[in-house]
Amino acid sequence: MDQHRRLGDTALFDFAIGSELRGCDVVKVRMGDVGSGGRVRDRAIVVQQKTNRPVQFGLMETARKTMRAWLERRGGTLGDYVFPSRNDYMNHMSTRQYARLVHEWGAGIGLQPGDYGTHSLRRTKASIIYKATGNLRAVQILLGHAKNDSTVRYLGVGVEDALELAERTEV
């Protein structure tokens, strides 16, 4: 049972970081959203609960590999939730349970509970992409933000970021 839970937790962690989805959307992903025929897709689309708009995301090889192993072990149909409730296997994991797991993971590596949460996982890949490319529009699309201003506030982009990008650019 412990290995079963660990594999599910690893798949959840990898998926959460790779998908840039909000926690409420992560826990409601169904098997058919991410794969079929024993294969996990490179790209998937889900409708966000907050905006009721579709957002597309890619899954890196690490996330696809752990998801594939998890889905094989989990079993089920395309309509089943990828991350089921521990109390009711036919329902999805609650956002509260997801938050508890994230706090466990953070505590396990020495993070203070207030410093890390479910939204930190959503922000991780987006922040890395922005730092590597400076492409705010790409990050905006990946996060499903309607307005550029939302993405700027979300990432905490400031004058220092703008100056650093300017200094790295030769004209």
C-alpha atoms as a PDB file:
ATOM      1  CA  MET A   1       0.000   0.000   0.000  1.00  0.00           C
ATOM      2  CA  ASP A   2       2.817   2.414   0.841  1.00  0.00           C
ATOM      3  CA  GLN A   3       4.487   1.955  -2.567  1.00  0.00           C
ATOM      4  CA  HIS A   4       1.104   2.441  -4.243  1.00  0.00           C
ATOM      5  CA  ARG A   5       0.660   5.742  -2.387  1.00  0.00           C
ATOM      6  CA  ARG A   6       4.221   6.860  -3.120  1.00  0.00           C
ATOM      7  CA  LEU A   7       3.786   6.247  -6.841  1.00  0.00           C
ATOM      8  CA  GLY A   8       0.503   8.200  -6.826  1.00  0.00           C
ATOM      9  CA  ASP A   9       2.113  11.048  -4.880  1.00  0.00           C
ATOM     10  CA  THR A  10       5.084  11.166  -7.272  1.00  0.00           C
ATOM     11  CA  ALA A  11       2.761  11.259 -10.274  1.00  0.00           C
ATOM     12  CA  LEU A  12       0.729  14.010  -8.604  1.00  0.00           C
ATOM     13  CA  PHE A  13       3.831  16.076  -7.846  1.00  0.00           C
ATOM     14  CA  ASP A  14       5.277  15.696 -11.357  1.00  0.00           C
ATOM     15  CA  PHE A  15       1.917  16.436 -12.965  1.00  0.00           C
ATOM     16  CA  ALA A  16       1.256  19.502 -10.787  1.00  0.00           C
ATOM     17  CA  ILE A  17       4.615  21.071 -11.614  1.00  0.00           C
ATOM     18  CA  GLY A  18       4.496  20.170 -15.300  1.00  0.00           C
ATOM     19  CA  SER A  19       0.927  21.234 -15.995  1.00  0.00           C
ATOM     20  CA  GLU A  20       0.912  24.735 -14.413  1.00  0.00           C
ATOM     21  CA  LEU A  21      -2.698  24.060 -13.312  1.00  0.00           C
ATOM     22  CA  ARG A  22      -4.387  25.372 -10.178  1.00  0.00           C
ATOM     23  CA  GLY A  23      -4.882  22.804  -7.433  1.00  0.00           C
ATOM     24  CA  CYS A  24      -8.650  22.692  -8.002  1.00  0.00           C
ATOM     25  CA  ASP A  25      -7.972  21.681 -11.625  1.00  0.00           C
ATOM     26  CA  VAL A  26      -5.151  19.226 -10.852  1.00  0.00           C
ATOM     27  CA  VAL A  27      -7.344  17.096  -8.588  1.00  0.00           C
ATOM     28  CA  LYS A  28     -10.186  16.946 -11.147  1.00  0.00           C
ATOM     29  CA  VAL A  29      -8.155  15.708 -14.110  1.00  0.00           C
ATOM     30  CA  ARG A  30      -9.622  12.552 -15.606  1.00  0.00           C
ATOM     31  CA  MET A  31      -7.697   9.717 -17.181  1.00  0.00           C
ATOM     32  CA  GLY A  32      -9.075  10.568 -20.628  1.00  0.00           C
ATOM     33  CA  ASP A  33      -7.744  14.132 -20.288  1.00  0.00           C
ATOM     34  CA  VAL A  34      -4.139  12.966 -20.188  1.00  0.00           C
ATOM     35  CA  GLY A  35      -4.046   9.697 -22.076  1.00  0.00           C
ATOM     36  CA  SER A  36      -5.612   6.716 -23.728  1.00  0.00           C
ATOM     37  CA  GLY A  37      -4.589   3.247 -24.797  1.00  0.00           C
ATOM     38  CA  GLY A  38      -1.848   3.019 -22.180  1.00  0.00           C
ATOM     39  CA  ARG A  39      -0.178   6.164 -23.509  1.00  0.00           C
ATOM     40  CA  VAL A  40       0.154   9.523 -21.763  1.00  0.00           C
ATOM     41  CA  ARG A  41      -0.118  12.446 -24.161  1.00  0.00           C
ATOM     42  CA  ASP A  42       2.645  14.983 -24.671  1.00  0.00           C
ATOM     43  CA  ARG A  43      -0.020  17.714 -24.537  1.00  0.00           C
ATOM     44  CA  ALA A  44      -3.415  17.915 -22.906  1.00  0.00           C
ATOM     45  CA  ILE A  45      -6.259  20.399 -22.564  1.00  0.00           C
ATOM     46  CA  VAL A  46      -8.520  20.956 -19.560  1.00  0.00           C
ATOM     47  CA  VAL A  47     -11.195  23.534 -18.853  1.00  0.00           C
ATOM     48  CA  GLN A  48     -10.150  25.645 -15.880  1.00  0.00           C
ATOM     49  CA  GLN A  49     -12.639  25.844 -13.036  1.00  0.00           C
ATOM     50  CA  LYS A  50     -11.848  29.495 -12.231  1.00  0.00           C
ATOM     51  CA  THR A  51     -12.164  30.892 -15.755  1.00  0.00           C
ATOM     52  CA  ASN A  52     -14.253  28.178 -17.420  1.00  0.00           C
ATOM     53  CA  ARG A  53     -11.818  28.449 -20.347  1.00  0.00           C
ATOM     54  CA  PRO A  54      -9.678  25.684 -21.833  1.00  0.00           C
ATOM     55  CA  VAL A  55      -5.960  25.738 -21.230  1.00  0.00           C
ATOM     56  CA  GLN A  56      -3.426  23.559 -23.012  1.00  0.00           C
ATOM     57  CA  PHE A  57      -0.302  22.259 -21.325  1.00  0.00           C
ATOM     58  CA  GLY A  58       2.577  19.968 -22.119  1.00  0.00           C
ATOM     59  CA  LEU A  59       3.951  17.174 -19.983  1.00  0.00           C
ATOM     60  CA  MET A  60       7.669  16.516 -19.906  1.00  0.00           C
ATOM     61  CA  GLU A  61       9.030  12.983 -20.175  1.00  0.00           C
ATOM     62  CA  THR A  62       9.503  12.630 -16.399  1.00  0.00           C
ATOM     63  CA  ALA A  63       5.867  13.484 -15.742  1.00  0.00           C
ATOM     64  CA  ARG A  64       4.651  11.228 -18.574  1.00  0.00           C
ATOM     65  CA  LYS A  65       6.727   8.345 -17.226  1.00  0.00           C
ATOM     66  CA  THR A  66       5.426   8.594 -13.643  1.00  0.00           C
ATOM     67  CA  MET A  67       1.865   9.214 -14.880  1.00  0.00           C
ATOM     68  CA  ARG A  68       2.057   6.147 -17.135  1.00  0.00           C
ATOM     69  CA  ALA A  69       3.259   3.974 -14.231  1.00  0.00           C
ATOM     70  CA  TRP A  70       0.609   5.429 -11.917  1.00  0.00           C
ATOM     71  CA  LEU A  71      -2.235   4.954 -14.401  1.00  0.00           C
ATOM     72  CA  GLU A  72      -1.175   1.354 -15.059  1.00  0.00           C
ATOM     73  CA  ARG A  73      -1.166   0.605 -11.350  1.00  0.00           C
ATOM     74  CA  ARG A  74      -4.321   2.612 -10.644  1.00  0.00           C
ATOM     75  CA  GLY A  75      -6.398   1.013 -13.413  1.00  0.00           C
ATOM     76  CA  GLY A  76      -9.813   2.337 -14.372  1.00  0.00           C
ATOM     77  CA  THR A  77     -11.537   3.930 -17.324  1.00  0.00           C
ATOM     78  CA  LEU A  78     -11.028   7.153 -19.264  1.00  0.00           C
ATOM     79  CA  GLY A  79     -13.786   8.832 -17.220  1.00  0.00           C
ATOM     80  CA  ASP A  80     -12.138   8.066 -13.854  1.00  0.00           C
ATOM     81  CA  TYR A  81     -10.201  10.682 -11.947  1.00  0.00           C
ATOM     82  CA  VAL A  82      -6.416  10.374 -12.170  1.00  0.00           C
ATOM     83  CA  PHE A  83      -6.030  11.237  -8.496  1.00  0.00           C
ATOM     84  CA  PRO A  84      -8.893   9.594  -6.585  1.00  0.00           C
ATOM     85  CA  SER A  85     -10.057  10.380  -3.091  1.00  0.00           C
ATOM     86  CA  ARG A  86      -8.597   8.086  -0.460  1.00  0.00           C
ATOM     87  CA  ASN A  87     -12.079   7.786   1.085  1.00  0.00           C
ATOM     88  CA  ASP A  88     -14.135   7.341  -2.099  1.00  0.00           C
ATOM     89  CA  TYR A  89     -12.147   5.904  -4.998  1.00  0.00           C
ATOM     90  CA  MET A  90     -14.846   6.996  -7.487  1.00  0.00           C
ATOM     91  CA  ASN A  91     -14.490  10.669  -6.515  1.00  0.00           C
ATOM     92  CA  HIS A  92     -11.493  12.968  -6.996  1.00  0.00           C
ATOM     93  CA  MET A  93      -8.994  13.876  -4.302  1.00  0.00           C
ATOM     94  CA  SER A  94     -10.078  17.000  -2.448  1.00  0.00           C
ATOM     95  CA  THR A  95      -8.094  20.199  -2.769  1.00  0.00           C
ATOM     96  CA  ARG A  96      -7.677  20.030   1.008  1.00  0.00           C
ATOM     97  CA  GLN A  97      -6.043  16.592   0.793  1.00  0.00           C
ATOM     98  CA  TYR A  98      -3.848  17.863  -2.040  1.00  0.00           C
ATOM     99  CA  ALA A  99      -2.778  20.831   0.124  1.00  0.00           C
ATOM    100  CA  ARG A 100      -1.949  18.466   3.016  1.00  0.00           C
ATOM    101  CA  LEU A 101       0.238  16.383   0.711  1.00  0.00           C
ATOM    102  CA  VAL A 102       2.073  19.464  -0.559  1.00  0.00           C
ATOM    103  CA  HIS A 103       2.738  20.517   3.045  1.00  0.00           C
ATOM    104  CA  GLU A 104       4.034  16.990   3.808  1.00  0.00           C
ATOM    105  CA  TRP A 105       6.335  17.131   0.801  1.00  0.00           C
ATOM    106  CA  GLY A 106       7.626  20.573   1.779  1.00  0.00           C
ATOM    107  CA  ALA A 107       8.181  19.559   5.400  1.00  0.00           C
ATOM    108  CA  GLY A 108       9.972  16.438   4.176  1.00  0.00           C
ATOM    109  CA  ILE A 109      12.652  18.579   2.552  1.00  0.00           C
ATOM    110  CA  GLY A 110      12.800  21.146   5.336  1.00  0.00           C
ATOM    111  CA  LEU A 111      10.537  23.929   4.030  1.00  0.00           C
ATOM    112  CA  GLN A 112       8.437  25.964   6.421  1.00  0.00           C
ATOM    113  CA  PRO A 113       4.687  25.293   5.898  1.00  0.00           C
ATOM    114  CA  GLY A 114       3.932  28.961   5.235  1.00  0.00           C
ATOM    115  CA  ASP A 115       6.615  29.205   2.550  1.00  0.00           C
ATOM    116  CA  TYR A 116       5.223  26.599   0.188  1.00  0.00           C
ATOM    117  CA  GLY A 117       1.768  25.514  -0.985  1.00  0.00           C
ATOM    118  CA  THR A 118      -0.217  24.135  -3.899  1.00  0.00           C
ATOM    119  CA  HIS A 119       0.066  27.395  -5.801  1.00  0.00           C
ATOM    120  CA  SER A 120       3.856  27.203  -5.515  1.00  0.00           C
ATOM    121  CA  LEU A 121       3.716  24.113  -7.733  1.00  0.00           C
ATOM    122  CA  ARG A 122       1.672  26.007 -10.331  1.00  0.00           C
ATOM    123  CA  ARG A 123       4.170  28.855 -10.277  1.00  0.00           C
ATOM    124  CA  THR A 124       7.350  26.724 -10.474  1.00  0.00           C
ATOM    125  CA  LYS A 125       7.539  25.902 -14.178  1.00  0.00           C
ATOM    126  CA  ALA A 126       6.087  29.262 -15.228  1.00  0.00           C
ATOM    127  CA  SER A 127       8.797  31.089 -13.254  1.00  0.00           C
ATOM    128  CA  ILE A 128      11.543  28.912 -14.737  1.00  0.00           C
ATOM    129  CA  ILE A 129      10.266  29.526 -18.275  1.00  0.00           C
ATOM    130  CA  TYR A 130      10.116  33.273 -17.684  1.00  0.00           C
ATOM    131  CA  LYS A 131      13.616  33.389 -16.139  1.00  0.00           C
ATOM    132  CA  ALA A 132      15.064  31.369 -19.042  1.00  0.00           C
ATOM    133  CA  THR A 133      13.325  33.203 -21.885  1.00  0.00           C
ATOM    134  CA  GLY A 134      11.918  36.510 -20.658  1.00  0.00           C
ATOM    135  CA  ASN A 135       8.864  35.658 -22.754  1.00  0.00           C
ATOM    136  CA  LEU A 136       5.983  36.969 -20.682  1.00  0.00           C
ATOM    137  CA  ARG A 137       3.383  36.256 -23.388  1.00  0.00           C
ATOM    138  CA  ALA A 138       4.315  32.558 -23.488  1.00  0.00           C
ATOM    139  CA  VAL A 139       3.935  32.297 -19.718  1.00  0.00           C
ATOM    140  CA  GLN A 140       0.610  34.150 -19.914  1.00  0.00           C
ATOM    141  CA  ILE A 141      -0.700  31.587 -22.424  1.00  0.00           C
ATOM    142  CA  LEU A 142       0.564  28.625 -20.388  1.00  0.00           C
ATOM    143  CA  LEU A 143      -1.112  29.893 -17.223  1.00  0.00           C
ATOM    144  CA  GLY A 144      -4.333  30.732 -19.037  1.00  0.00           C
ATOM    145  CA  HIS A 145      -4.293  34.351 -17.925  1.00  0.00           C
ATOM    146  CA  ALA A 146      -6.528  36.670 -19.950  1.00  0.00           C
ATOM    147  CA  LYS A 147      -4.482  39.783 -19.186  1.00  0.00           C
ATOM    148  CA  ASN A 148      -0.757  40.422 -19.349  1.00  0.00           C
ATOM    149  CA  ASP A 149      -0.997  42.484 -16.138  1.00  0.00           C
ATOM    150  CA  SER A 150      -2.176  39.396 -14.250  1.00  0.00           C
ATOM    151  CA  THR A 151       0.910  37.480 -15.357  1.00  0.00           C
ATOM    152  CA  VAL A 152       3.215  40.363 -14.437  1.00  0.00           C
ATOM    153  CA  ARG A 153       1.756  40.489 -10.908  1.00  0.00           C
ATOM    154  CA  TYR A 154       1.692  36.698 -10.671  1.00  0.00           C
ATOM    155  CA  LEU A 155       5.385  36.354 -11.439  1.00  0.00           C
ATOM    156  CA  GLY A 156       6.364  39.460  -9.524  1.00  0.00           C
ATOM    157  CA  VAL A 157       8.047  40.960 -12.573  1.00  0.00           C
ATOM    158  CA  GLY A 158       9.651  44.257 -11.701  1.00  0.00           C
ATOM    159  CA  VAL A 159      12.151  46.820 -12.851  1.00  0.00           C
ATOM    160  CA  GLU A 160      15.088  44.562 -11.937  1.00  0.00           C
ATOM    161  CA  ASP A 161      13.784  41.850 -14.282  1.00  0.00           C
ATOM    162  CA  ALA A 162      13.378  44.341 -17.109  1.00  0.00           C
ATOM    163  CA  LEU A 163      16.887  45.743 -16.578  1.00  0.00           C
ATOM    164  CA  GLU A 164      18.412  42.254 -16.445  1.00  0.00           C
ATOM    165  CA  LEU A 165      16.753  41.335 -19.757  1.00  0.00           C
ATOM    166  CA  ALA A 166      17.949  44.596 -21.313  1.00  0.00           C
ATOM    167  CA  GLU A 167      21.522  43.978 -20.124  1.00  0.00           C
ATOM    168  CA  ARG A 168      21.523  40.454 -21.627  1.00  0.00           C
ATOM    169  CA  THR A 169      20.401  41.781 -25.025  1.00  0.00           C
ATOM    170  CA  GLU A 170      23.044  42.974 -27.481  1.00  0.00           C
ATOM    171  CA  VAL A 171      21.979  45.547 -30.094  1.00  0.00           C
END
